[in-house]
Each structure stands twice: as C-alpha cells, then as structure tokens.
Amino acid sequence: MFLGRVVGELNATLKHPALLGRRLLWVERVDPAGGSLGRRTLAVDTVDAGVGDPVLVVDEGNGAAQVLRAPRGPVRTVIVGVLDTVDLEPDPSTGTARRGAA
C-alpha cells in the first residue's frame, strides 16, 4: 500500500476483459508530506478519483482482487481511497505531531 497523487488518465480502445468498464489512472508515489518520490504507476480507479487528488493505493494482486470482488487476474494496483489529510505520530526529536499535506 502506498500514498500517491493522480497525475493523469489512460484511455485505451482495447482492454483486457478484466479492465472493461474500469477507469485507469496514472498515480505518482508521494511521501506523507506530499513530495514526489519520482515513480509513476498505472492503477484501476475504484473511488472516482481525479487528476490532482491525493490517494491511497493497494499494490498487491490478492488485495486488488478483493477490492474488485473478482478472481485474480491482470490487475495488481487499485486506488482504494481519496485522502483528506495524513496525520503522523509525534516526531520523537521534537515531541510535536507532524502533519502531511494531502
């Protein structure tokens, strides 16, 4: 599972049958503060996310199959949530809570 930001859509005329009727979005991995980690992944959208949205992504085949309620197939990466905020445990060096930008 990882945090990401939707950076684009993928439109395909031909798709594997398991992808028919599903929206495909490009997601860039981000750190909890919202900074880019420089890696992009294609994911199936299950929450109606849009470009610019901070998202929570499952990146594991069995988890994807459970979210999609389908037998295991060609899908590994699925957007499962649109984030409002990311709250972190207090920083031990300062004792203050850190808050990431979502």
Protein backbone atom coordinates (compact mmCIF):
# COMPACT_ATOMS: atom_id res chain seq x y z
CA MET A 1 0.00 0.00 0.00
CA PHE A 2 1.29 3.49 -0.75
CA LEU A 3 0.35 7.15 -0.88
CA GLY A 4 0.06 8.78 -4.28
CA ARG A 5 -1.26 11.67 -6.33
CA VAL A 6 -3.26 11.18 -9.53
CA VAL A 7 -1.31 12.77 -12.39
CA GLY A 8 -3.27 11.65 -15.44
CA GLU A 9 -5.71 9.30 -17.14
CA LEU A 10 -5.10 6.49 -19.59
CA ASN A 11 -7.61 5.92 -22.37
CA ALA A 12 -7.44 2.62 -24.21
CA THR A 13 -9.57 1.47 -27.12
CA LEU A 14 -8.73 -2.17 -26.47
CA LYS A 15 -8.51 -3.60 -22.96
CA HIS A 16 -8.21 -6.97 -21.29
CA PRO A 17 -11.75 -8.17 -20.42
CA ALA A 18 -10.99 -7.70 -16.70
CA LEU A 19 -10.48 -3.98 -17.35
CA LEU A 20 -13.65 -3.34 -19.34
CA GLY A 21 -15.69 -0.55 -17.77
CA ARG A 22 -12.85 0.38 -15.40
CA ARG A 23 -11.03 3.72 -15.32
CA LEU A 24 -7.24 3.67 -15.46
CA LEU A 25 -5.27 6.48 -13.81
CA TRP A 26 -1.58 7.35 -13.60
CA VAL A 27 -0.52 7.70 -9.96
CA GLU A 28 2.75 9.23 -8.76
CA ARG A 29 4.08 7.91 -5.45
CA VAL A 30 4.44 10.60 -2.78
CA ASP A 31 5.82 10.84 0.75
CA PRO A 32 3.47 11.72 3.67
CA ALA A 33 4.17 15.42 3.16
CA GLY A 34 3.05 15.15 -0.48
CA GLY A 35 6.52 15.32 -2.04
CA SER A 36 7.09 13.31 -5.19
CA LEU A 37 9.08 10.08 -4.94
CA GLY A 38 9.54 10.11 -8.72
CA ARG A 39 7.82 6.83 -9.58
CA ARG A 40 4.56 6.53 -11.51
CA THR A 41 2.22 3.56 -11.66
CA LEU A 42 -0.95 2.74 -13.58
CA ALA A 43 -3.87 1.93 -11.26
CA VAL A 44 -7.54 0.97 -11.55
CA ASP A 45 -9.78 3.65 -10.01
CA THR A 46 -12.47 2.37 -7.62
CA VAL A 47 -13.28 5.65 -5.84
CA ASP A 48 -13.84 8.18 -8.66
CA ALA A 49 -10.53 9.97 -8.06
CA GLY A 50 -9.47 12.81 -10.32
CA VAL A 51 -6.26 14.39 -11.52
CA GLY A 52 -4.55 16.13 -8.60
CA ASP A 53 -6.27 14.06 -5.91
CA PRO A 54 -4.12 12.53 -3.14
CA VAL A 55 -4.95 8.82 -2.98
CA LEU A 56 -4.31 5.59 -1.10
CA VAL A 57 -3.27 2.75 -3.39
CA VAL A 58 -3.18 -1.04 -2.90
CA ASP A 59 -0.30 -2.56 -4.88
CA GLU A 60 -0.72 -6.31 -4.46
CA GLY A 61 -2.63 -8.78 -6.61
CA ASN A 62 -4.71 -10.54 -3.95
CA GLY A 63 -5.68 -7.23 -2.32
CA ALA A 64 -6.68 -5.84 -5.72
CA ALA A 65 -8.82 -8.92 -6.43
CA GLN A 66 -10.60 -8.49 -3.08
CA VAL A 67 -11.29 -4.80 -3.68
CA LEU A 68 -12.59 -5.50 -7.19
CA ARG A 69 -14.54 -8.58 -5.98
CA ALA A 70 -13.12 -10.54 -8.87
CA PRO A 71 -10.90 -13.58 -9.25
CA ARG A 72 -7.21 -12.85 -9.51
CA GLY A 73 -6.37 -11.53 -12.92
CA PRO A 74 -4.26 -8.88 -14.65
CA VAL A 75 -4.92 -6.18 -12.03
CA ARG A 76 -2.39 -5.56 -9.26
CA THR A 77 -2.73 -1.84 -8.43
CA VAL A 78 -6.02 -0.28 -7.29
CA ILE A 79 -6.89 3.16 -5.91
CA VAL A 80 -8.92 2.50 -2.74
CA GLY A 81 -9.29 5.96 -1.20
CA VAL A 82 -9.10 9.71 -1.74
CA LEU A 83 -7.22 11.29 1.18
CA ASP A 84 -8.21 14.37 3.17
CA THR A 85 -5.13 14.57 5.42
CA VAL A 86 -2.20 12.45 6.54
CA ASP A 87 -1.53 12.60 10.28
CA LEU A 88 1.69 11.10 11.62
CA GLU A 89 2.86 10.03 15.07
CA PRO A 90 4.74 12.69 17.05
CA ASP A 91 8.34 13.24 15.99
CA PRO A 92 10.48 11.81 18.84
CA SER A 93 13.12 14.50 18.41
CA THR A 94 10.68 17.40 18.89
CA GLY A 95 7.67 15.82 20.58
CA THR A 96 5.32 17.58 18.17
CA ALA A 97 2.90 15.88 15.83
CA ARG A 98 3.75 16.08 12.16
CA ARG A 99 1.06 16.56 9.58
CA GLY A 100 1.46 15.72 5.95
CA ALA A 101 -0.22 17.61 3.15
CA ALA A 102 -2.81 15.52 1.37
